[in-house]
Every structure is written in C-alpha cells, then in structure tokens.
N, C-alpha and C. Protein backbone atom coordinates (compact mmCIF):
# COMPACT_ATOMS: atom_id res chain seq x y z
N UNK A 1 0.82 -1.18 0.00
CA UNK A 1 0.00 0.00 0.00
C UNK A 1 0.87 1.25 0.00
N UNK A 2 2.03 1.19 0.66
CA UNK A 2 2.93 2.34 0.68
C UNK A 2 3.36 2.72 -0.74
N UNK A 3 3.67 1.74 -1.54
CA UNK A 3 4.09 2.00 -2.92
C UNK A 3 2.98 2.67 -3.71
N UNK A 4 1.76 2.16 -3.58
CA UNK A 4 0.63 2.73 -4.31
C UNK A 4 0.39 4.17 -3.87
N UNK A 5 0.45 4.45 -2.58
CA UNK A 5 0.23 5.81 -2.08
C UNK A 5 1.26 6.78 -2.65
N UNK A 6 2.51 6.33 -2.77
CA UNK A 6 3.56 7.21 -3.30
C UNK A 6 3.40 7.47 -4.79
N UNK A 7 2.80 6.53 -5.51
CA UNK A 7 2.69 6.67 -6.97
C UNK A 7 1.32 7.14 -7.44
N UNK A 8 0.35 7.18 -6.55
CA UNK A 8 -1.02 7.48 -6.95
C UNK A 8 -1.17 8.83 -7.65
N UNK A 9 -0.44 9.83 -7.20
CA UNK A 9 -0.55 11.15 -7.83
C UNK A 9 0.30 11.27 -9.10
N UNK A 10 0.91 10.17 -9.52
CA UNK A 10 1.75 10.17 -10.71
C UNK A 10 1.17 9.29 -11.82
N UNK A 11 -0.12 8.98 -11.74
CA UNK A 11 -0.75 8.09 -12.71
C UNK A 11 -0.61 8.62 -14.13
N UNK A 12 -0.85 9.91 -14.33
CA UNK A 12 -0.76 10.46 -15.69
C UNK A 12 0.67 10.37 -16.23
N UNK A 13 1.65 10.60 -15.38
CA UNK A 13 3.06 10.48 -15.80
C UNK A 13 3.39 9.03 -16.14
N UNK A 14 2.92 8.11 -15.33
CA UNK A 14 3.19 6.69 -15.58
C UNK A 14 2.54 6.24 -16.88
N UNK A 15 1.33 6.70 -17.15
CA UNK A 15 0.66 6.35 -18.40
C UNK A 15 1.43 6.90 -19.60
N UNK A 16 1.96 8.12 -19.48
CA UNK A 16 2.76 8.71 -20.55
C UNK A 16 4.04 7.91 -20.79
N UNK A 17 4.70 7.52 -19.72
CA UNK A 17 5.93 6.71 -19.83
C UNK A 17 5.61 5.39 -20.52
N UNK A 18 4.50 4.76 -20.10
CA UNK A 18 4.11 3.48 -20.68
C UNK A 18 3.88 3.60 -22.19
N UNK A 19 3.19 4.64 -22.60
CA UNK A 19 2.91 4.84 -24.02
C UNK A 19 4.17 5.21 -24.80
N UNK A 20 4.97 6.12 -24.24
CA UNK A 20 6.15 6.62 -24.96
C UNK A 20 7.23 5.55 -25.12
N UNK A 21 7.45 4.76 -24.07
CA UNK A 21 8.56 3.80 -24.09
C UNK A 21 8.11 2.35 -24.21
N UNK A 22 6.80 2.12 -24.34
CA UNK A 22 6.26 0.76 -24.47
C UNK A 22 6.78 -0.16 -23.36
N UNK A 23 6.62 0.26 -22.13
CA UNK A 23 7.06 -0.52 -20.98
C UNK A 23 5.86 -1.15 -20.29
N UNK A 24 6.14 -2.16 -19.48
CA UNK A 24 5.12 -2.81 -18.67
C UNK A 24 5.45 -2.57 -17.20
N UNK A 25 4.43 -2.27 -16.42
CA UNK A 25 4.61 -2.08 -14.98
C UNK A 25 4.13 -3.33 -14.25
N UNK A 26 4.80 -3.64 -13.16
CA UNK A 26 4.41 -4.79 -12.36
C UNK A 26 4.70 -4.57 -10.89
N UNK A 27 3.88 -5.18 -10.07
CA UNK A 27 4.09 -5.17 -8.63
C UNK A 27 4.25 -6.63 -8.20
N UNK A 28 5.31 -6.93 -7.47
CA UNK A 28 5.55 -8.27 -6.96
C UNK A 28 5.22 -8.30 -5.47
N UNK A 29 4.31 -9.17 -5.09
CA UNK A 29 3.94 -9.35 -3.69
C UNK A 29 4.61 -10.64 -3.22
N UNK A 30 5.38 -10.57 -2.14
CA UNK A 30 6.13 -11.73 -1.67
C UNK A 30 5.81 -11.98 -0.20
N UNK A 31 4.71 -12.72 0.07
CA UNK A 31 4.42 -13.06 1.45
C UNK A 31 5.25 -14.27 1.89
N UNK A 32 5.59 -14.30 3.16
CA UNK A 32 6.29 -15.45 3.74
C UNK A 32 5.36 -16.13 4.72
N UNK A 33 5.21 -17.44 4.57
CA UNK A 33 4.30 -18.22 5.41
C UNK A 33 5.14 -19.19 6.22
N UNK A 34 4.90 -19.20 7.50
CA UNK A 34 5.66 -20.07 8.40
C UNK A 34 4.73 -21.11 9.01
N UNK A 35 5.15 -22.37 8.92
CA UNK A 35 4.39 -23.44 9.54
C UNK A 35 2.99 -23.58 8.96
N UNK A 36 2.02 -23.63 9.85
CA UNK A 36 0.63 -23.85 9.46
C UNK A 36 -0.16 -22.55 9.34
N UNK A 37 0.50 -21.41 9.24
CA UNK A 37 -0.21 -20.13 9.07
C UNK A 37 -1.09 -20.20 7.84
N UNK A 38 -2.25 -19.58 7.93
CA UNK A 38 -3.16 -19.49 6.79
C UNK A 38 -2.82 -18.23 6.00
N UNK A 39 -2.43 -18.36 4.74
CA UNK A 39 -2.11 -17.17 3.96
C UNK A 39 -3.37 -16.37 3.63
N UNK A 40 -3.26 -15.06 3.73
CA UNK A 40 -4.35 -14.18 3.36
C UNK A 40 -3.80 -13.11 2.43
N UNK A 41 -4.41 -13.00 1.28
CA UNK A 41 -4.00 -11.98 0.32
C UNK A 41 -5.21 -11.11 0.05
N UNK A 42 -5.04 -9.81 0.22
CA UNK A 42 -6.16 -8.90 0.05
C UNK A 42 -5.71 -7.69 -0.76
N UNK A 43 -6.45 -7.40 -1.81
CA UNK A 43 -6.18 -6.22 -2.63
C UNK A 43 -7.41 -5.32 -2.53
N UNK A 44 -7.23 -4.13 -1.97
CA UNK A 44 -8.37 -3.23 -1.84
C UNK A 44 -8.64 -2.48 -3.14
N UNK A 45 -9.74 -1.72 -3.16
CA UNK A 45 -10.14 -1.02 -4.38
C UNK A 45 -9.09 -0.03 -4.86
N UNK A 46 -8.39 0.59 -3.93
CA UNK A 46 -7.37 1.58 -4.30
C UNK A 46 -6.23 0.93 -5.10
N UNK A 47 -5.82 -0.24 -4.67
CA UNK A 47 -4.76 -0.97 -5.37
C UNK A 47 -5.25 -1.42 -6.75
N UNK A 48 -6.45 -1.98 -6.79
CA UNK A 48 -7.00 -2.47 -8.05
C UNK A 48 -7.19 -1.31 -9.03
N UNK A 49 -7.71 -0.19 -8.56
CA UNK A 49 -7.91 0.97 -9.44
C UNK A 49 -6.59 1.48 -10.00
N UNK A 50 -5.58 1.60 -9.13
CA UNK A 50 -4.26 2.06 -9.58
C UNK A 50 -3.72 1.13 -10.67
N UNK A 51 -3.79 -0.16 -10.43
CA UNK A 51 -3.26 -1.13 -11.40
C UNK A 51 -4.05 -1.08 -12.70
N UNK A 52 -5.34 -0.90 -12.62
CA UNK A 52 -6.17 -0.81 -13.82
C UNK A 52 -5.80 0.45 -14.63
N UNK A 53 -5.71 1.58 -13.95
CA UNK A 53 -5.43 2.84 -14.64
C UNK A 53 -4.04 2.89 -15.26
N UNK A 54 -3.09 2.20 -14.67
CA UNK A 54 -1.71 2.24 -15.16
C UNK A 54 -1.32 0.99 -15.95
N UNK A 55 -2.22 0.03 -16.05
CA UNK A 55 -1.90 -1.21 -16.76
C UNK A 55 -0.86 -2.03 -16.03
N UNK A 56 -0.87 -1.95 -14.71
CA UNK A 56 0.11 -2.66 -13.88
C UNK A 56 -0.37 -4.07 -13.57
N UNK A 57 0.50 -5.05 -13.74
CA UNK A 57 0.16 -6.43 -13.37
C UNK A 57 0.62 -6.67 -11.93
N UNK A 58 -0.04 -7.61 -11.28
CA UNK A 58 0.30 -7.99 -9.91
C UNK A 58 0.71 -9.46 -9.93
N UNK A 59 1.89 -9.75 -9.40
CA UNK A 59 2.40 -11.12 -9.32
C UNK A 59 2.60 -11.49 -7.86
N UNK A 60 2.39 -12.77 -7.56
CA UNK A 60 2.58 -13.28 -6.20
C UNK A 60 3.64 -14.36 -6.23
N UNK A 61 4.61 -14.26 -5.34
CA UNK A 61 5.67 -15.24 -5.21
C UNK A 61 5.71 -15.63 -3.74
N UNK A 62 5.12 -16.77 -3.41
CA UNK A 62 4.97 -17.16 -2.00
C UNK A 62 6.12 -18.06 -1.56
N UNK A 63 6.59 -17.79 -0.38
CA UNK A 63 7.61 -18.62 0.25
C UNK A 63 6.98 -19.28 1.47
N UNK A 64 7.02 -20.63 1.48
CA UNK A 64 6.43 -21.38 2.59
C UNK A 64 7.57 -22.07 3.32
N UNK A 65 7.66 -21.79 4.61
CA UNK A 65 8.72 -22.36 5.44
C UNK A 65 8.11 -23.33 6.44
N UNK A 66 8.77 -24.49 6.68
CA UNK A 66 8.25 -25.42 7.67
C UNK A 66 8.42 -24.85 9.08
N UNK A 67 7.61 -25.37 10.00
CA UNK A 67 7.76 -24.94 11.39
C UNK A 67 9.12 -25.38 11.89
N UNK A 68 9.68 -24.56 12.75
CA UNK A 68 11.01 -24.90 13.30
C UNK A 68 10.87 -25.41 14.70
C-alpha cells in the first residue's frame, strides 16, 4: 500500500511513460508463510484501481517455510 500511495498522484506520468517507451509495470507481492499459518492476500479497491489505470500487473511469489 505504501508503494501505491507514493505513486497514486503520478498516474498520468506513468501512463505517458508506458505509451512513450512501451514498458510494462508490475508489482511483486512476496508473502512469507511459516508453519501452518493461513495465507491471506487482500487487494483493496485503491490498489485495483491504480493497477487498472496504469496497466500494472500484480504477481505473487509465496515462500512457505516449515515450522522450526
């Protein structure tokens, strides 16, 4: 959420960069799960709207660690 808040007022600039340089934007979410924890992933409307407006993809790379 911190990343989205910092970039939210730059949506028009990001869209211009995307069009001018034909780049793709992406956000990588990397949760770490320990033992029997239940993973929870939640994307609120603000995150979804930002990604929609900027054409940003969201990727998840989960790391699961056994209980120690």
